[in-house]
Structure formats: C-alpha cells, structure tokens
C-alpha atoms as a PDB file:
ATOM      1  CA  UNK A   1      22.030  80.453  93.835  1.00  0.00           C
ATOM      2  CA  UNK A   2      19.805  77.770  95.334  1.00  0.00           C
ATOM      3  CA  UNK A   3      20.931  76.993  98.892  1.00  0.00           C
ATOM      4  CA  UNK A   4      18.077  74.569  99.594  1.00  0.00           C
ATOM      5  CA  UNK A   5      15.267  74.359 102.102  1.00  0.00           C
ATOM      6  CA  UNK A   6      17.624  73.963 105.074  1.00  0.00           C
ATOM      7  CA  UNK A   7      19.035  77.392 104.396  1.00  0.00           C
ATOM      8  CA  UNK A   8      15.562  78.870 104.023  1.00  0.00           C
ATOM      9  CA  UNK A   9      14.402  77.401 107.318  1.00  0.00           C
ATOM     10  CA  UNK A  10      17.539  78.398 109.235  1.00  0.00           C
ATOM     11  CA  UNK A  11      17.520  81.882 107.739  1.00  0.00           C
ATOM     12  CA  UNK A  12      13.873  82.420 108.633  1.00  0.00           C
ATOM     13  CA  UNK A  13      14.235  81.280 112.241  1.00  0.00           C
ATOM     14  CA  UNK A  14      17.416  83.336 112.691  1.00  0.00           C
ATOM     15  CA  UNK A  15      15.369  86.354 111.641  1.00  0.00           C
ATOM     16  CA  UNK A  16      12.688  85.383 114.160  1.00  0.00           C
ATOM     17  CA  UNK A  17      15.293  85.088 116.950  1.00  0.00           C
ATOM     18  CA  UNK A  18      16.748  88.478 116.037  1.00  0.00           C
ATOM     19  CA  UNK A  19      13.277  90.029 116.162  1.00  0.00           C
ATOM     20  CA  UNK A  20      12.636  88.509 119.594  1.00  0.00           C
ATOM     21  CA  UNK A  21      15.981  89.864 120.839  1.00  0.00           C
ATOM     22  CA  UNK A  22      15.013  93.332 119.629  1.00  0.00           C
ATOM     23  CA  UNK A  23      11.743  93.147 121.537  1.00  0.00           C
ATOM     24  CA  UNK A  24      13.600  91.977 124.668  1.00  0.00           C
ATOM     25  CA  UNK A  25      16.040  94.895 124.363  1.00  0.00           C
ATOM     26  CA  UNK A  26      13.146  97.323 124.066  1.00  0.00           C
ATOM     27  CA  UNK A  27      11.603  95.917 127.238  1.00  0.00           C
ATOM     28  CA  UNK A  28      14.767  96.829 129.225  1.00  0.00           C
ATOM     29  CA  UNK A  29      14.218 100.514 128.431  1.00  0.00           C
ATOM     30  CA  UNK A  30      10.999 100.659 130.467  1.00  0.00           C
ATOM     31  CA  UNK A  31      12.599  99.229 133.635  1.00  0.00           C
ATOM     32  CA  UNK A  32      12.547  95.966 135.535  1.00  0.00           C
ATOM     33  CA  UNK A  33       8.998  96.533 136.844  1.00  0.00           C
ATOM     34  CA  UNK A  34       7.688  97.618 133.472  1.00  0.00           C
ATOM     35  CA  UNK A  35       7.857  94.262 131.667  1.00  0.00           C
ATOM     36  CA  UNK A  36       5.836  94.239 128.464  1.00  0.00           C
ATOM     37  CA  UNK A  37       2.652  92.182 128.433  1.00  0.00           C
ATOM     38  CA  UNK A  38       2.491  89.184 126.117  1.00  0.00           C
ATOM     39  CA  UNK A  39       0.126  91.091 123.859  1.00  0.00           C
ATOM     40  CA  UNK A  40       2.542  93.993 123.637  1.00  0.00           C
ATOM     41  CA  UNK A  41       5.402  91.625 122.757  1.00  0.00           C
ATOM     42  CA  UNK A  42       3.286  89.989 120.061  1.00  0.00           C
ATOM     43  CA  UNK A  43       2.287  93.401 118.702  1.00  0.00           C
ATOM     44  CA  UNK A  44       5.907  94.556 118.629  1.00  0.00           C
ATOM     45  CA  UNK A  45       7.040  91.382 116.860  1.00  0.00           C
ATOM     46  CA  UNK A  46       4.243  91.790 114.344  1.00  0.00           C
ATOM     47  CA  UNK A  47       5.250  95.399 113.677  1.00  0.00           C
ATOM     48  CA  UNK A  48       8.923  94.458 113.404  1.00  0.00           C
ATOM     49  CA  UNK A  49       8.382  91.581 110.969  1.00  0.00           C
ATOM     50  CA  UNK A  50       5.448  92.004 108.589  1.00  0.00           C
ATOM     51  CA  UNK A  51       4.931  89.663 105.648  1.00  0.00           C
ATOM     52  CA  UNK A  52       6.542  92.256 103.395  1.00  0.00           C
ATOM     53  CA  UNK A  53       9.566  92.335 105.722  1.00  0.00           C
ATOM     54  CA  UNK A  54       9.850  88.535 105.644  1.00  0.00           C
ATOM     55  CA  UNK A  55       9.556  88.485 101.845  1.00  0.00           C
ATOM     56  CA  UNK A  56      12.167  91.167 101.231  1.00  0.00           C
ATOM     57  CA  UNK A  57      14.498  89.803 103.932  1.00  0.00           C
ATOM     58  CA  UNK A  58      14.460  86.406 102.208  1.00  0.00           C
ATOM     59  CA  UNK A  59      14.669  87.885  98.691  1.00  0.00           C
ATOM     60  CA  UNK A  60      16.495  91.235  98.918  1.00  0.00           C
ATOM     61  CA  UNK A  61      15.371  93.656  96.239  1.00  0.00           C
ATOM     62  CA  UNK A  62      12.250  91.609  95.464  1.00  0.00           C
ATOM     63  CA  UNK A  63       9.114  93.528  94.549  1.00  0.00           C
ATOM     64  CA  UNK A  64       6.007  93.559  96.758  1.00  0.00           C
ATOM     65  CA  UNK A  65       2.601  94.674  95.498  1.00  0.00           C
ATOM     66  CA  UNK A  66      -0.842  94.802  97.071  1.00  0.00           C
ATOM     67  CA  UNK A  67      -3.678  94.260  94.597  1.00  0.00           C
ATOM     68  CA  UNK A  68      -6.268  91.647  93.609  1.00  0.00           C
ATOM     69  CA  UNK A  69      -4.214  90.097  90.812  1.00  0.00           C
ATOM     70  CA  UNK A  70      -5.554  86.628  91.627  1.00  0.00           C
ATOM     71  CA  UNK A  71      -8.690  87.633  89.705  1.00  0.00           C
ATOM     72  CA  UNK A  72      -6.745  87.594  86.426  1.00  0.00           C
ATOM     73  CA  UNK A  73      -8.124  84.715  84.357  1.00  0.00           C
ATOM     74  CA  UNK A  74      -5.976  81.605  83.977  1.00  0.00           C
ATOM     75  CA  UNK A  75      -6.346  81.832  80.200  1.00  0.00           C
ATOM     76  CA  UNK A  76      -4.894  85.341  80.087  1.00  0.00           C
ATOM     77  CA  UNK A  77      -2.153  84.648  82.658  1.00  0.00           C
ATOM     78  CA  UNK A  78      -0.871  81.587  80.799  1.00  0.00           C
ATOM     79  CA  UNK A  79      -0.290  83.372  77.482  1.00  0.00           C
ATOM     80  CA  UNK A  80       3.234  84.245  76.340  1.00  0.00           C
ATOM     81  CA  UNK A  81       2.152  87.799  75.531  1.00  0.00           C
ATOM     82  CA  UNK A  82       0.690  88.497  78.997  1.00  0.00           C
ATOM     83  CA  UNK A  83       2.710  91.425  80.481  1.00  0.00           C
ATOM     84  CA  UNK A  84       4.165  89.545  83.479  1.00  0.00           C
ATOM     85  CA  UNK A  85       7.120  91.950  83.420  1.00  0.00           C
ATOM     86  CA  UNK A  86       4.924  94.738  84.801  1.00  0.00           C
ATOM     87  CA  UNK A  87       5.101  93.152  88.256  1.00  0.00           C
ATOM     88  CA  UNK A  88       8.893  93.548  88.299  1.00  0.00           C
ATOM     89  CA  UNK A  89       8.619  97.297  88.891  1.00  0.00           C
ATOM     90  CA  UNK A  90       8.046  99.535  91.885  1.00  0.00           C
ATOM     91  CA  UNK A  91       4.655 100.578  90.530  1.00  0.00           C
ATOM     92  CA  UNK A  92       2.180  98.452  88.597  1.00  0.00           C
ATOM     93  CA  UNK A  93      -0.471  99.894  86.296  1.00  0.00           C
ATOM     94  CA  UNK A  94      -3.705  98.301  87.522  1.00  0.00           C
ATOM     95  CA  UNK A  95      -4.936  98.029  83.938  1.00  0.00           C
ATOM     96  CA  UNK A  96      -2.921  94.791  83.880  1.00  0.00           C
ATOM     97  CA  UNK A  97      -5.738  93.226  85.928  1.00  0.00           C
ATOM     98  CA  UNK A  98      -8.099  93.621  82.959  1.00  0.00           C
ATOM     99  CA  UNK A  99      -5.589  92.652  80.250  1.00  0.00           C
ATOM    100  CA  UNK A 100      -7.102  90.896  77.237  1.00  0.00           C
ATOM    101  CA  UNK A 101      -5.276  89.411  74.226  1.00  0.00           C
ATOM    102  CA  UNK A 102      -5.600  91.300  70.954  1.00  0.00           C
ATOM    103  CA  UNK A 103      -4.444  88.635  68.545  1.00  0.00           C
ATOM    104  CA  UNK A 104      -2.943  85.189  68.119  1.00  0.00           C
ATOM    105  CA  UNK A 105      -0.591  84.073  70.885  1.00  0.00           C
ATOM    106  CA  UNK A 106       3.086  84.386  69.926  1.00  0.00           C
ATOM    107  CA  UNK A 107       5.471  81.471  70.363  1.00  0.00           C
ATOM    108  CA  UNK A 108       7.919  81.292  73.257  1.00  0.00           C
ATOM    109  CA  UNK A 109      10.790  81.753  70.809  1.00  0.00           C
ATOM    110  CA  UNK A 110       9.322  85.001  69.471  1.00  0.00           C
ATOM    111  CA  UNK A 111      11.791  87.877  69.856  1.00  0.00           C
ATOM    112  CA  UNK A 112       9.283  90.087  71.666  1.00  0.00           C
ATOM    113  CA  UNK A 113       8.563  87.338  74.205  1.00  0.00           C
ATOM    114  CA  UNK A 114      12.258  86.599  74.777  1.00  0.00           C
ATOM    115  CA  UNK A 115      13.037  90.302  75.142  1.00  0.00           C
ATOM    116  CA  UNK A 116      10.416  90.674  77.880  1.00  0.00           C
ATOM    117  CA  UNK A 117      11.686  87.555  79.649  1.00  0.00           C
ATOM    118  CA  UNK A 118      15.270  88.829  79.517  1.00  0.00           C
ATOM    119  CA  UNK A 119      14.177  92.109  81.130  1.00  0.00           C
ATOM    120  CA  UNK A 120      13.055  90.212  84.254  1.00  0.00           C
ATOM    121  CA  UNK A 121      16.063  87.908  84.739  1.00  0.00           C
ATOM    122  CA  UNK A 122      17.139  87.582  88.347  1.00  0.00           C
ATOM    123  CA  UNK A 123      14.096  89.445  89.655  1.00  0.00           C
ATOM    124  CA  UNK A 124      11.330  88.247  91.951  1.00  0.00           C
ATOM    125  CA  UNK A 125       7.930  89.693  92.773  1.00  0.00           C
ATOM    126  CA  UNK A 126       4.900  88.809  94.838  1.00  0.00           C
ATOM    127  CA  UNK A 127       1.364  90.206  94.704  1.00  0.00           C
ATOM    128  CA  UNK A 128      -0.805  90.057  97.831  1.00  0.00           C
ATOM    129  CA  UNK A 129      -4.540  90.862  97.936  1.00  0.00           C
ATOM    130  CA  UNK A 130      -5.465  93.658 100.397  1.00  0.00           C
ATOM    131  CA  UNK A 131      -7.737  91.251 102.324  1.00  0.00           C
ATOM    132  CA  UNK A 132      -4.898  88.733 102.812  1.00  0.00           C
ATOM    133  CA  UNK A 133      -2.433  91.419 103.864  1.00  0.00           C
ATOM    134  CA  UNK A 134      -4.876  92.551 106.554  1.00  0.00           C
ATOM    135  CA  UNK A 135      -5.322  88.964 107.777  1.00  0.00           C
ATOM    136  CA  UNK A 136      -1.556  88.461 108.029  1.00  0.00           C
ATOM    137  CA  UNK A 137      -1.085  91.719 109.945  1.00  0.00           C
ATOM    138  CA  UNK A 138      -3.378  90.323 112.621  1.00  0.00           C
ATOM    139  CA  UNK A 139      -2.153  86.722 112.419  1.00  0.00           C
ATOM    140  CA  UNK A 140       1.658  86.270 112.411  1.00  0.00           C
ATOM    141  CA  UNK A 141       1.236  82.487 112.265  1.00  0.00           C
ATOM    142  CA  UNK A 142      -0.674  82.793 109.003  1.00  0.00           C
ATOM    143  CA  UNK A 143       2.000  85.113 107.604  1.00  0.00           C
ATOM    144  CA  UNK A 144       4.686  82.573 108.531  1.00  0.00           C
ATOM    145  CA  UNK A 145       2.785  79.694 106.877  1.00  0.00           C
ATOM    146  CA  UNK A 146       2.210  81.677 103.687  1.00  0.00           C
ATOM    147  CA  UNK A 147       5.881  82.690 103.551  1.00  0.00           C
ATOM    148  CA  UNK A 148       7.027  79.086 103.979  1.00  0.00           C
ATOM    149  CA  UNK A 149       4.668  77.995 101.188  1.00  0.00           C
ATOM    150  CA  UNK A 150       5.961  80.665  98.810  1.00  0.00           C
ATOM    151  CA  UNK A 151       9.615  79.910  99.649  1.00  0.00           C
ATOM    152  CA  UNK A 152       9.066  76.200  99.068  1.00  0.00           C
ATOM    153  CA  UNK A 153       7.454  76.844  95.682  1.00  0.00           C
ATOM    154  CA  UNK A 154      10.253  79.140  94.503  1.00  0.00           C
ATOM    155  CA  UNK A 155      13.030  76.830  95.710  1.00  0.00           C
ATOM    156  CA  UNK A 156      11.467  73.790  94.031  1.00  0.00           C
ATOM    157  CA  UNK A 157      10.819  75.704  90.816  1.00  0.00           C
ATOM    158  CA  UNK A 158      14.385  77.017  90.634  1.00  0.00           C
ATOM    159  CA  UNK A 159      15.829  73.599  91.506  1.00  0.00           C
ATOM    160  CA  UNK A 160      14.226  72.145  88.371  1.00  0.00           C
ATOM    161  CA  UNK A 161      16.461  74.312  86.149  1.00  0.00           C
ATOM    162  CA  UNK A 162      19.882  73.373  84.773  1.00  0.00           C
ATOM    163  CA  UNK A 163      22.769  74.660  86.932  1.00  0.00           C
ATOM    164  CA  UNK A 164      23.835  78.238  86.255  1.00  0.00           C
ATOM    165  CA  UNK A 165      20.549  79.559  84.921  1.00  0.00           C
ATOM    166  CA  UNK A 166      19.460  83.030  86.087  1.00  0.00           C
ATOM    167  CA  UNK A 167      15.997  82.620  87.558  1.00  0.00           C
ATOM    168  CA  UNK A 168      13.074  85.014  87.916  1.00  0.00           C
ATOM    169  CA  UNK A 169       9.620  84.457  89.351  1.00  0.00           C
ATOM    170  CA  UNK A 170       6.376  86.289  90.119  1.00  0.00           C
ATOM    171  CA  UNK A 171       3.879  84.751  92.562  1.00  0.00           C
ATOM    172  CA  UNK A 172       0.235  85.808  92.854  1.00  0.00           C
ATOM    173  CA  UNK A 173      -1.593  84.954  96.096  1.00  0.00           C
ATOM    174  CA  UNK A 174      -5.338  84.708  96.623  1.00  0.00           C
ATOM    175  CA  UNK A 175      -7.261  85.914  99.676  1.00  0.00           C
ATOM    176  CA  UNK A 176      -6.603  82.622 101.518  1.00  0.00           C
ATOM    177  CA  UNK A 177      -2.839  82.706 101.028  1.00  0.00           C
ATOM    178  CA  UNK A 178      -2.838  80.072  98.288  1.00  0.00           C
ATOM    179  CA  UNK A 179      -0.803  80.494  95.097  1.00  0.00           C
ATOM    180  CA  UNK A 180      -3.344  81.453  92.446  1.00  0.00           C
ATOM    181  CA  UNK A 181      -0.864  82.186  89.634  1.00  0.00           C
ATOM    182  CA  UNK A 182       2.881  81.951  89.191  1.00  0.00           C
ATOM    183  CA  UNK A 183       5.294  82.514  86.342  1.00  0.00           C
ATOM    184  CA  UNK A 184       8.920  81.468  86.426  1.00  0.00           C
ATOM    185  CA  UNK A 185      11.504  81.991  83.706  1.00  0.00           C
ATOM    186  CA  UNK A 186      15.240  81.646  83.251  1.00  0.00           C
ATOM    187  CA  UNK A 187      18.075  82.537  80.950  1.00  0.00           C
ATOM    188  CA  UNK A 188      21.730  83.449  80.673  1.00  0.00           C
ATOM    189  CA  UNK A 189      24.306  82.125  83.114  1.00  0.00           C
ATOM    190  CA  UNK A 190      27.249  79.791  82.640  1.00  0.00           C
ATOM    191  CA  UNK A 191      25.667  76.625  81.317  1.00  0.00           C
ATOM    192  CA  UNK A 192      27.536  73.377  80.856  1.00  0.00           C
ATOM    193  CA  UNK A 193      25.779  71.509  78.086  1.00  0.00           C
ATOM    194  CA  UNK A 194      23.240  73.042  75.683  1.00  0.00           C
ATOM    195  CA  UNK A 195      23.755  76.605  74.514  1.00  0.00           C
ATOM    196  CA  UNK A 196      21.284  79.295  75.561  1.00  0.00           C
ATOM    197  CA  UNK A 197      19.629  79.125  72.148  1.00  0.00           C
ATOM    198  CA  UNK A 198      19.350  75.332  72.381  1.00  0.00           C
ATOM    199  CA  UNK A 199      17.914  75.614  75.884  1.00  0.00           C
ATOM    200  CA  UNK A 200      15.323  78.126  74.721  1.00  0.00           C
ATOM    201  CA  UNK A 201      14.443  75.889  71.818  1.00  0.00           C
ATOM    202  CA  UNK A 202      14.073  72.944  74.189  1.00  0.00           C
ATOM    203  CA  UNK A 203      11.850  74.947  76.552  1.00  0.00           C
ATOM    204  CA  UNK A 204       9.765  76.144  73.611  1.00  0.00           C
ATOM    205  CA  UNK A 205       9.356  72.577  72.355  1.00  0.00           C
ATOM    206  CA  UNK A 206       8.320  71.406  75.816  1.00  0.00           C
ATOM    207  CA  UNK A 207       5.783  74.210  76.041  1.00  0.00           C
ATOM    208  CA  UNK A 208       4.391  73.313  72.628  1.00  0.00           C
ATOM    209  CA  UNK A 209       4.197  69.653  73.641  1.00  0.00           C
ATOM    210  CA  UNK A 210       2.229  70.597  76.744  1.00  0.00           C
ATOM    211  CA  UNK A 211      -0.165  72.601  74.608  1.00  0.00           C
ATOM    212  CA  UNK A 212      -0.554  69.791  72.089  1.00  0.00           C
ATOM    213  CA  UNK A 213      -1.128  67.322  74.927  1.00  0.00           C
ATOM    214  CA  UNK A 214      -3.812  69.577  76.387  1.00  0.00           C
ATOM    215  CA  UNK A 215      -5.430  69.917  72.949  1.00  0.00           C
ATOM    216  CA  UNK A 216      -5.252  66.146  72.430  1.00  0.00           C
ATOM    217  CA  UNK A 217      -6.946  65.547  75.779  1.00  0.00           C
ATOM    218  CA  UNK A 218      -9.643  68.055  74.852  1.00  0.00           C
ATOM    219  CA  UNK A 219     -10.255  66.335  71.496  1.00  0.00           C
ATOM    220  CA  UNK A 220     -10.215  62.930  73.199  1.00  0.00           C
ATOM    221  CA  UNK A 221     -12.806  64.091  75.687  1.00  0.00           C
ATOM    222  CA  UNK A 222     -14.973  65.531  72.928  1.00  0.00           C
ATOM    223  CA  UNK A 223     -14.614  62.306  70.898  1.00  0.00           C
ATOM    224  CA  UNK A 224     -15.561  60.238  73.924  1.00  0.00           C
ATOM    225  CA  UNK A 225     -18.632  62.377  74.490  1.00  0.00           C
ATOM    226  CA  UNK A 226     -19.509  62.159  70.789  1.00  0.00           C
ATOM    227  CA  UNK A 227     -19.126  58.383  70.888  1.00  0.00           C
ATOM    228  CA  UNK A 228     -21.514  58.181  73.835  1.00  0.00           C
ATOM    229  CA  UNK A 229     -24.037  60.324  71.960  1.00  0.00           C
ATOM    230  CA  UNK A 230     -23.730  58.129  68.840  1.00  0.00           C
ATOM    231  CA  UNK A 231     -24.159  54.957  70.897  1.00  0.00           C
ATOM    232  CA  UNK A 232     -27.248  56.424  72.538  1.00  0.00           C
ATOM    233  CA  UNK A 233     -28.596  57.413  69.127  1.00  0.00           C
ATOM    234  CA  UNK A 234     -27.903  53.930  67.735  1.00  0.00           C
ATOM    235  CA  UNK A 235     -29.683  52.335  70.691  1.00  0.00           C
ATOM    236  CA  UNK A 236     -32.663  54.611  70.104  1.00  0.00           C
ATOM    237  CA  UNK A 237     -32.769  53.698  66.399  1.00  0.00           C
ATOM    238  CA  UNK A 238     -32.454  49.998  67.276  1.00  0.00           C
ATOM    239  CA  UNK A 239     -35.309  50.212  69.772  1.00  0.00           C
ATOM    240  CA  UNK A 240     -37.475  52.037  67.244  1.00  0.00           C
ATOM    241  CA  UNK A 241     -36.666  49.372  64.631  1.00  0.00           C
ATOM    242  CA  UNK A 242     -37.533  46.568  67.035  1.00  0.00           C
ATOM    243  CA  UNK A 243     -40.745  48.334  67.979  1.00  0.00           C
ATOM    244  CA  UNK A 244     -41.700  48.667  64.294  1.00  0.00           C
ATOM    245  CA  UNK A 245     -40.980  44.980  63.717  1.00  0.00           C
ATOM    246  CA  UNK A 246     -43.062  44.080  66.738  1.00  0.00           C
ATOM    247  CA  UNK A 247     -45.926  46.252  65.517  1.00  0.00           C
ATOM    248  CA  UNK A 248     -45.670  44.693  62.050  1.00  0.00           C
ATOM    249  CA  UNK A 249     -45.754  41.229  63.582  1.00  0.00           C
ATOM    250  CA  UNK A 250     -48.882  42.056  65.584  1.00  0.00           C
ATOM    251  CA  UNK A 251     -50.426  43.630  62.498  1.00  0.00           C
ATOM    252  CA  UNK A 252     -49.846  40.476  60.439  1.00  0.00           C
ATOM    253  CA  UNK A 253     -51.228  38.323  63.237  1.00  0.00           C
ATOM    254  CA  UNK A 254     -54.321  40.481  63.471  1.00  0.00           C
ATOM    255  CA  UNK A 255     -54.724  40.386  59.686  1.00  0.00           C
ATOM    256  CA  UNK A 256     -54.506  36.574  59.623  1.00  0.00           C
ATOM    257  CA  UNK A 257     -56.949  36.355  62.498  1.00  0.00           C
ATOM    258  CA  UNK A 258     -59.434  38.631  60.737  1.00  0.00           C
ATOM    259  CA  UNK A 259     -59.090  36.555  57.558  1.00  0.00           C
ATOM    260  CA  UNK A 260     -59.712  33.325  59.465  1.00  0.00           C
ATOM    261  CA  UNK A 261     -62.829  34.766  61.060  1.00  0.00           C
ATOM    262  CA  UNK A 262     -64.058  35.966  57.691  1.00  0.00           C
ATOM    263  CA  UNK A 263     -63.508  32.505  56.154  1.00  0.00           C
ATOM    264  CA  UNK A 264     -65.225  30.842  59.073  1.00  0.00           C
ATOM    265  CA  UNK A 265     -68.216  33.090  58.801  1.00  0.00           C
ATOM    266  CA  UNK A 266     -68.504  32.441  55.068  1.00  0.00           C
ATOM    267  CA  UNK A 267     -68.300  28.687  55.658  1.00  0.00           C
ATOM    268  CA  UNK A 268     -71.008  28.844  58.259  1.00  0.00           C
ATOM    269  CA  UNK A 269     -73.288  30.748  55.912  1.00  0.00           C
ATOM    270  CA  UNK A 270     -72.907  28.051  53.298  1.00  0.00           C
END
C-alpha cells in the first residue's frame, strides 16, 4: 500500500530519533563523567543504522545485495527475458552480471515472461556496489541521501499504477549512489476496471509502442543524416557541373580568340 512521501519522511526520522535514544541510553551505562565523545556517538549511530538497516526497516523482507550490477549493459537489462527475478533471492548467482541474450526477445505477454514476473510480485530488492557501501559506512549523510532518492523513486513508480496492483521493484545503484537500472512490475490485486488480462495487454501494447517510437526516432535520425549526405552530394555534383560549364566557356573563348588571331595573321600576310 502506498502511504505517500509524508509517511516515508516521518517513518525515516522516527527511526533516526529511536537510534539517537539508543545511543543516549548507552551513554548512561558508562556514568555521568564518562559521556561519549561526538565521534563515538556518530560511530554508534552509524553502526546502529547502516544503509542495509535503513532499506530493510523501510521495506521489511526486502532483499539486499552487494555486487557491481550497475555494469550490466542497458540493452541486456531492458529485455523481457533478462533474469531480473534472480535479485529477489537471498543469494544471487554472479553469472547474471555477464548475461547475454541467446535469441529473439520474447513479448511481454509471453507466458514465460509473465510467469517470471508473477514470481516476484510484492517483492523488492536493491543492489549496492561494494565501493558505494564502503562510502556510506563512512558517510551517514550520503547513506541518508541515497535512501531518500531510492524511496522517492519507488513511491513515484508505484503511484503510477492502478489502485490495488501488487507491486515489485529491483533497484541497481552505481558507485555514486545514482540509480543505474531499475525494473518495476505489477500484477494481481483487486482491480476496479480492466481485468488482469486486459491490464497486461494494455501494458504490453504500451511497451510495444515505446519500442516502435524508439525505432521510429532511430529511422528518422538515420533518414535525416542520409538527407544531409544526399544534399552534400548534390551540392558537390552541382559545383562540378558549374565548374565544367565554366571551363567549357573559357575553352570556347580561347578557341574564338585563337581563330581571330589566325584570321588576322592571314589577312596581314595578304
């Protein structure tokens, strides 16, 4: 259920307050004169609330993986037969990082694609590069910013669905904490309006339209480039034609001049 950004913000800061209270309670155990230094407090808070803790506190049961999945090519990630479902498990076979298609891409409505989507319904997963995880361990502010960015993306993505849909999502972060890849899907639920089959058909049609639009833009760009090349070629041919005409004109002028000289010389001899 989507409770909105207000809930996300309030929930996150309530967690932060609880963590600070825990640190304060720990400080009492070492006596009045043994107050923790600011660095110790920061270290304790960081230990208490890692990025993984924040992620799984916000999305209970969500999967957390550490690997360089952002290196997966966009072309492979965007295919319907890419094994996104592997990230919705406790362990991920790292061979997924080098996945390559072995044939034509199936359609969204293909039974094998729908079966894999159905297996992930209601699940969430995030994949963090080792370098980013290390940065966030040493920089709680960065971890907070990345978490807010991921929450905002998921909330907005889920909010775009019809009411009642069961949502799933996997988010892949790069080394800077940016979202490199993401894949959201939905299904099931109590839907008022189109049936599940009609909704799937609609989503498939929209996906096909996006692909056709992308192909149209590619063809348009190629046509535009081809038109520029043809125009350049036509200009070259035109210039060559004008140059030939100019040369012919000079040739005829020279020929007439030579003839006039010849006639003049003959007249003089007479």
